Amino acid sequence: MDAFITVLNDELRDRLHELWERTGNAPLLRIASGESFSGEAGAPSIDALSAQERSDWIGTAVMNAFKDTGDSQVFALLHHLSEPSFRATILGKLRRTVTRLDVQDVLQEVFLNIYRYPHRFVAERADSYRNWGHTIVRNTLLKMLKGEARRGRPASLDDDLVPQVDERAVSPLRSAVDSESAITVDRAFLIYLNLYLVHFAQLAEKEQRALTMVEVLGITYKDTAAELGIRLENLKMVIFRARRKILRGMTRTLAEIEARNARRAAAIREFKLHGGAVRDAVARDARADRLAPPPRSSLSTSA
């Protein structure tokens, strides 16, 4: 049995409902509603299972949803549910080895592999994700330990006299690149945030209040519905439609900006192409005028 059990509480049910509204993945809705993962007749509901089986089906359902949709929010929930168990496994294995590997580096590589290869996952039974995920943990750790061993070198008696270089330290070049990348990301984030606010301002007042309470203030769906005086199901639909309006508006605006930039780039290329040809023609005419002999006057002709 896994020591880390995922509890299907109201908060997790609400989160699964949100992801179902976002992705349309039916198993997420069935798990949130207490039904079976497959939805087949006669299959036991998830609420009737043991704590371990229920936890396993939650992980398998979320991983299967990420495999089918590739949605970033689904992956964020998967990371949140899996990280404690993966971390404990990695720490347990690192304590039995002499290594300089950092648990956070291994964790990052594990989730990177899960993100890269979701198509290799098969949701056959409840513990499919638990077994598959811990297999990735083991393989990733072995690969990183072998890589560290290959980087090793024989020790000499003079090693104590030579300053040791921390191979995990970030080089000045890498720091400069990361700094420039961070600036670019910050600017892109500000652009998207301003674009979001533009389309947020176009929502109805109820939609704005609902999004602000749930996404900014972190108020639960139940308390938000009570504050707005509407049913919980209606609130979820209001938020779903508000998010969809903002997404469509941002997509439309970004497409318009991209098209405008493409037209501007085409105009610049056209100017460079034909404008250069005009300048060359004018220069040729000027050179021809300077080299041509002066015309003979009528007086010299008559003489």
Protein backbone atom coordinates (compact mmCIF):
# COMPACT_ATOMS: atom_id res chain seq x y z
CA MET A 1 0.00 0.00 0.00
CA ASP A 2 1.22 3.50 -0.81
CA ALA A 3 1.79 5.59 2.32
CA PHE A 4 0.45 8.66 0.51
CA ILE A 5 -3.31 8.42 0.03
CA THR A 6 -5.23 11.01 -2.01
CA VAL A 7 -8.47 11.90 -0.23
CA LEU A 8 -11.46 12.73 -2.43
CA ASN A 9 -12.69 15.69 -0.39
CA ASP A 10 -14.95 18.54 -1.49
CA GLU A 11 -12.01 20.67 -2.62
CA LEU A 12 -10.67 17.93 -4.89
CA ARG A 13 -14.15 17.19 -6.25
CA ASP A 14 -14.56 20.87 -7.14
CA ARG A 15 -11.14 20.85 -8.82
CA LEU A 16 -12.04 17.78 -10.88
CA HIS A 17 -15.32 19.47 -11.87
CA GLU A 18 -13.38 22.53 -13.03
CA LEU A 19 -11.03 20.41 -15.12
CA TRP A 20 -13.96 18.54 -16.65
CA GLU A 21 -15.54 21.86 -17.62
CA ARG A 22 -12.20 22.95 -19.06
CA THR A 23 -11.36 19.77 -20.99
CA GLY A 24 -14.62 17.85 -21.39
CA ASN A 25 -12.90 14.68 -20.10
CA ALA A 26 -15.77 12.42 -18.95
CA PRO A 27 -13.82 10.19 -16.48
CA LEU A 28 -12.91 13.27 -14.44
CA LEU A 29 -16.59 14.09 -14.05
CA ARG A 30 -17.42 10.50 -13.11
CA ILE A 31 -14.70 10.42 -10.45
CA ALA A 32 -15.80 13.80 -9.04
CA SER A 33 -19.40 12.58 -8.93
CA GLY A 34 -18.46 9.39 -7.06
CA GLU A 35 -19.07 7.07 -10.01
CA SER A 36 -16.71 4.50 -11.51
CA PHE A 37 -13.82 5.48 -13.78
CA SER A 38 -15.19 3.55 -16.76
CA GLY A 39 -18.86 4.39 -16.23
CA GLU A 40 -19.79 0.82 -17.14
CA ALA A 41 -22.94 -0.72 -15.69
CA GLY A 42 -22.18 -2.86 -12.66
CA ALA A 43 -18.78 -1.27 -11.99
CA PRO A 44 -18.43 -0.28 -8.32
CA SER A 45 -18.60 3.43 -7.62
CA ILE A 46 -15.42 5.08 -6.44
CA ASP A 47 -17.05 5.97 -3.12
CA ALA A 48 -17.56 2.24 -2.44
CA LEU A 49 -13.86 1.38 -2.87
CA SER A 50 -11.11 1.23 -0.27
CA ALA A 51 -9.04 4.32 0.42
CA GLN A 52 -6.09 2.92 -1.55
CA GLU A 53 -8.18 1.94 -4.58
CA ARG A 54 -9.95 5.30 -4.52
CA SER A 55 -6.61 7.13 -4.39
CA ASP A 56 -5.23 4.98 -7.23
CA TRP A 57 -8.25 5.65 -9.47
CA ILE A 58 -7.92 9.39 -8.89
CA GLY A 59 -4.27 9.37 -10.00
CA THR A 60 -5.02 7.12 -12.97
CA ALA A 61 -7.97 9.29 -14.05
CA VAL A 62 -5.97 12.52 -13.89
CA MET A 63 -3.02 10.98 -15.77
CA ASN A 64 -5.39 9.58 -18.39
CA ALA A 65 -6.99 13.01 -18.77
CA PHE A 66 -3.57 14.59 -19.34
CA LYS A 67 -2.78 11.90 -21.91
CA ASP A 68 -6.03 12.63 -23.78
CA THR A 69 -6.02 16.43 -23.54
CA GLY A 70 -2.46 17.63 -22.83
CA ASP A 71 -3.99 20.36 -20.66
CA SER A 72 -1.54 22.26 -18.44
CA GLN A 73 -4.01 22.59 -15.55
CA VAL A 74 -4.56 18.83 -15.53
CA PHE A 75 -0.80 18.32 -15.38
CA ALA A 76 -0.57 20.81 -12.51
CA LEU A 77 -3.07 18.74 -10.51
CA LEU A 78 -1.17 15.56 -11.41
CA HIS A 79 2.05 17.15 -10.12
CA HIS A 80 0.30 18.23 -6.91
CA LEU A 81 -1.08 14.74 -6.23
CA SER A 82 2.09 12.79 -7.13
CA GLU A 83 4.91 14.96 -5.79
CA PRO A 84 4.83 13.83 -2.09
CA SER A 85 4.97 10.12 -2.96
CA PHE A 86 7.66 10.56 -5.62
CA ARG A 87 9.75 12.74 -3.31
CA ALA A 88 9.66 10.19 -0.49
CA THR A 89 10.69 7.39 -2.87
CA ILE A 90 13.61 9.40 -4.25
CA LEU A 91 14.81 10.45 -0.79
CA GLY A 92 14.69 6.85 0.40
CA LYS A 93 16.84 5.68 -2.49
CA LEU A 94 19.31 8.58 -2.28
CA ARG A 95 19.95 7.90 1.42
CA ARG A 96 21.27 4.45 0.49
CA THR A 97 23.78 5.80 -2.05
CA VAL A 98 26.81 8.09 -1.95
CA THR A 99 25.82 10.81 -4.36
CA ARG A 100 25.59 14.56 -4.79
CA LEU A 101 22.27 14.34 -6.62
CA ASP A 102 19.60 16.71 -5.36
CA VAL A 103 16.09 15.35 -4.84
CA GLN A 104 14.59 18.41 -6.53
CA ASP A 105 16.66 17.83 -9.67
CA VAL A 106 15.48 14.22 -9.85
CA LEU A 107 11.85 15.25 -9.28
CA GLN A 108 12.05 17.81 -12.04
CA GLU A 109 13.43 15.21 -14.45
CA VAL A 110 10.72 12.70 -13.45
CA PHE A 111 7.86 15.10 -14.18
CA LEU A 112 9.59 16.21 -17.38
CA ASN A 113 9.57 12.58 -18.55
CA ILE A 114 5.91 12.21 -17.62
CA TYR A 115 5.13 15.40 -19.55
CA ARG A 116 7.08 14.19 -22.60
CA TYR A 117 5.75 10.65 -22.84
CA PRO A 118 2.07 10.56 -21.74
CA HIS A 119 1.22 8.44 -24.80
CA ARG A 120 3.04 5.52 -23.18
CA PHE A 121 0.57 5.40 -20.29
CA VAL A 122 -2.26 2.85 -20.36
CA ALA A 123 -5.12 3.13 -17.85
CA GLU A 124 -5.88 -0.57 -17.47
CA ARG A 125 -6.59 -0.75 -13.74
CA ALA A 126 -6.67 1.35 -10.60
CA ASP A 127 -2.95 1.25 -9.80
CA SER A 128 -1.81 1.82 -13.40
CA TYR A 129 -0.52 5.32 -12.74
CA ARG A 130 1.06 4.47 -9.37
CA ASN A 131 3.07 1.63 -10.91
CA TRP A 132 3.90 3.54 -14.11
CA GLY A 133 4.91 6.68 -12.23
CA HIS A 134 7.20 4.90 -9.79
CA THR A 135 8.78 3.01 -12.69
CA ILE A 136 9.67 6.38 -14.21
CA VAL A 137 11.07 7.50 -10.84
CA ARG A 138 13.29 4.42 -10.62
CA ASN A 139 14.52 4.63 -14.23
CA THR A 140 15.18 8.37 -14.00
CA LEU A 141 17.15 7.98 -10.77
CA LEU A 142 19.25 5.13 -12.22
CA LYS A 143 20.01 7.17 -15.34
CA MET A 144 21.09 10.20 -13.32
CA LEU A 145 23.25 8.08 -11.00
CA LYS A 146 25.00 6.50 -14.00
CA GLY A 147 25.56 9.92 -15.51
CA GLU A 148 27.10 11.17 -12.29
CA ALA A 149 29.37 8.10 -12.14
CA ARG A 150 30.60 8.75 -15.69
CA ARG A 151 31.54 12.30 -14.72
CA GLY A 152 33.67 11.05 -11.82
CA ARG A 153 37.48 11.10 -11.92
CA PRO A 154 40.27 9.40 -9.93
CA ALA A 155 41.32 11.23 -6.79
CA SER A 156 44.94 12.23 -6.12
CA LEU A 157 46.85 13.23 -3.03
CA ASP A 158 46.97 16.80 -4.30
CA ASP A 159 43.19 17.18 -4.49
CA ASP A 160 43.09 18.97 -1.16
CA LEU A 161 45.42 21.64 -2.58
CA VAL A 162 43.23 22.36 -5.61
CA PRO A 163 39.96 24.29 -5.19
CA GLN A 164 37.05 21.99 -5.96
CA VAL A 165 34.52 23.22 -8.51
CA ASP A 166 30.87 22.66 -7.76
CA GLU A 167 29.57 21.02 -10.92
CA ARG A 168 26.03 22.01 -9.97
CA ALA A 169 26.93 25.71 -9.84
CA VAL A 170 25.50 27.87 -12.61
CA SER A 171 28.08 29.38 -14.94
CA PRO A 172 28.13 33.16 -15.60
CA LEU A 173 27.05 32.54 -19.20
CA ARG A 174 24.11 30.43 -18.09
CA SER A 175 23.18 33.09 -15.52
CA ALA A 176 23.19 35.77 -18.22
CA VAL A 177 21.06 33.63 -20.55
CA ASP A 178 18.60 32.83 -17.76
CA SER A 179 18.40 36.51 -16.84
CA GLU A 180 17.62 37.54 -20.41
CA SER A 181 15.07 34.74 -20.73
CA ALA A 182 13.41 35.85 -17.48
CA ILE A 183 13.08 39.40 -18.81
CA THR A 184 11.49 38.11 -22.01
CA VAL A 185 9.07 35.91 -20.06
CA ASP A 186 8.16 38.79 -17.74
CA ARG A 187 7.35 41.01 -20.72
CA ALA A 188 5.27 38.30 -22.36
CA PHE A 189 3.40 37.74 -19.09
CA LEU A 190 2.60 41.45 -18.80
CA ILE A 191 1.29 41.46 -22.37
CA TYR A 192 -0.98 38.49 -21.67
CA LEU A 193 -2.10 39.95 -18.35
CA ASN A 194 -3.05 43.27 -19.96
CA LEU A 195 -4.84 41.42 -22.74
CA TYR A 196 -6.70 39.37 -20.13
CA LEU A 197 -7.77 42.53 -18.29
CA VAL A 198 -9.05 44.10 -21.54
CA HIS A 199 -11.39 41.17 -22.17
CA PHE A 200 -12.20 40.76 -18.46
CA ALA A 201 -13.59 44.31 -18.51
CA GLN A 202 -15.99 43.29 -21.29
CA LEU A 203 -17.69 40.63 -19.12
CA ALA A 204 -20.97 41.16 -17.31
CA GLU A 205 -20.76 42.34 -13.71
CA LYS A 206 -21.84 38.95 -12.34
CA GLU A 207 -19.18 37.16 -14.38
CA GLN A 208 -16.51 39.59 -13.17
CA ARG A 209 -17.50 39.12 -9.52
CA ALA A 210 -17.58 35.34 -9.85
CA LEU A 211 -14.13 35.14 -11.46
CA THR A 212 -12.64 37.59 -8.95
CA MET A 213 -13.98 35.68 -5.94
CA VAL A 214 -12.92 32.23 -7.20
CA GLU A 215 -9.67 32.92 -9.06
CA VAL A 216 -8.26 35.97 -7.24
CA LEU A 217 -9.61 35.80 -3.70
CA GLY A 218 -9.58 31.99 -3.58
CA ILE A 219 -13.13 31.69 -2.23
CA THR A 220 -14.70 28.26 -2.66
CA TYR A 221 -17.40 27.65 -5.24
CA LYS A 222 -19.94 26.96 -2.51
CA ASP A 223 -19.31 30.24 -0.65
CA THR A 224 -19.18 32.22 -3.90
CA ALA A 225 -22.55 30.80 -4.99
CA ALA A 226 -24.05 31.76 -1.62
CA GLU A 227 -22.60 35.29 -1.85
CA LEU A 228 -23.96 35.79 -5.37
CA GLY A 229 -27.30 34.19 -4.51
CA ILE A 230 -27.22 31.54 -7.25
CA ARG A 231 -27.07 27.75 -7.31
CA LEU A 232 -23.71 26.01 -7.32
CA GLU A 233 -24.35 24.47 -10.75
CA ASN A 234 -25.27 27.87 -12.17
CA LEU A 235 -22.10 29.42 -10.73
CA LYS A 236 -19.93 26.79 -12.42
CA MET A 237 -21.62 27.52 -15.73
CA VAL A 238 -21.14 31.29 -15.23
CA ILE A 239 -17.42 30.81 -14.60
CA PHE A 240 -17.05 28.37 -17.49
CA ARG A 241 -18.68 30.79 -19.93
CA ALA A 242 -16.69 33.76 -18.60
CA ARG A 243 -13.42 31.89 -19.05
CA ARG A 244 -14.44 30.86 -22.55
CA LYS A 245 -15.30 34.45 -23.50
CA ILE A 246 -11.91 35.68 -22.28
CA LEU A 247 -10.08 32.85 -24.05
CA ARG A 248 -11.88 33.46 -27.34
CA GLY A 249 -11.33 37.20 -27.08
CA MET A 250 -7.62 36.82 -26.36
CA THR A 251 -7.24 34.29 -29.19
CA ARG A 252 -8.98 36.66 -31.61
CA THR A 253 -6.88 39.66 -30.55
CA LEU A 254 -3.61 37.73 -30.76
CA ALA A 255 -4.56 36.52 -34.24
CA GLU A 256 -5.25 40.10 -35.31
CA ILE A 257 -1.89 41.24 -33.90
CA GLU A 258 -0.10 38.40 -35.68
CA ALA A 259 -1.81 39.22 -38.98
CA ARG A 260 -0.95 42.91 -38.61
CA ASN A 261 2.68 42.09 -37.89
CA ALA A 262 2.77 39.76 -40.89
CA ARG A 263 1.43 42.53 -43.16
CA ARG A 264 3.97 44.98 -41.78
CA ALA A 265 6.83 42.53 -42.34
CA ALA A 266 5.64 41.87 -45.89
CA ALA A 267 5.49 45.61 -46.59
CA ILE A 268 9.03 46.05 -45.28
CA ARG A 269 10.29 43.19 -47.45
CA GLU A 270 8.50 44.66 -50.47
CA PHE A 271 10.01 48.07 -49.84
CA LYS A 272 13.49 46.64 -49.42
CA LEU A 273 13.13 44.66 -52.63
CA HIS A 274 11.61 47.29 -54.94
CA GLY A 275 12.89 50.33 -53.10
CA GLY A 276 16.43 49.04 -53.56
CA ALA A 277 15.81 48.49 -57.27
CA VAL A 278 14.59 52.09 -57.68
CA ARG A 279 17.63 53.43 -55.85
CA ASP A 280 19.93 51.34 -58.07
CA ALA A 281 18.22 52.64 -61.22
CA VAL A 282 18.57 56.25 -60.09
CA ALA A 283 22.23 55.68 -59.27
CA ARG A 284 22.87 54.14 -62.70
CA ASP A 285 21.21 57.09 -64.43
CA ALA A 286 23.31 59.51 -62.39
CA ARG A 287 26.52 57.71 -63.29
CA ALA A 288 25.52 57.60 -66.96
CA ASP A 289 24.90 61.37 -66.95
CA ARG A 290 28.35 62.01 -65.46
CA LEU A 291 30.14 59.81 -68.01
CA ALA A 292 28.24 60.95 -71.15
CA PRO A 293 30.12 63.52 -73.41
CA PRO A 294 28.74 67.06 -73.40
CA PRO A 295 26.45 67.90 -76.32
CA ARG A 296 28.01 69.89 -79.22
CA SER A 297 26.75 73.49 -79.52
CA SER A 298 24.97 74.77 -82.65
CA LEU A 299 27.70 77.43 -83.17
CA SER A 300 30.46 74.88 -83.51
CA THR A 301 28.31 72.86 -85.90
CA SER A 302 27.75 75.77 -88.26
CA ALA A 303 31.43 76.60 -88.29
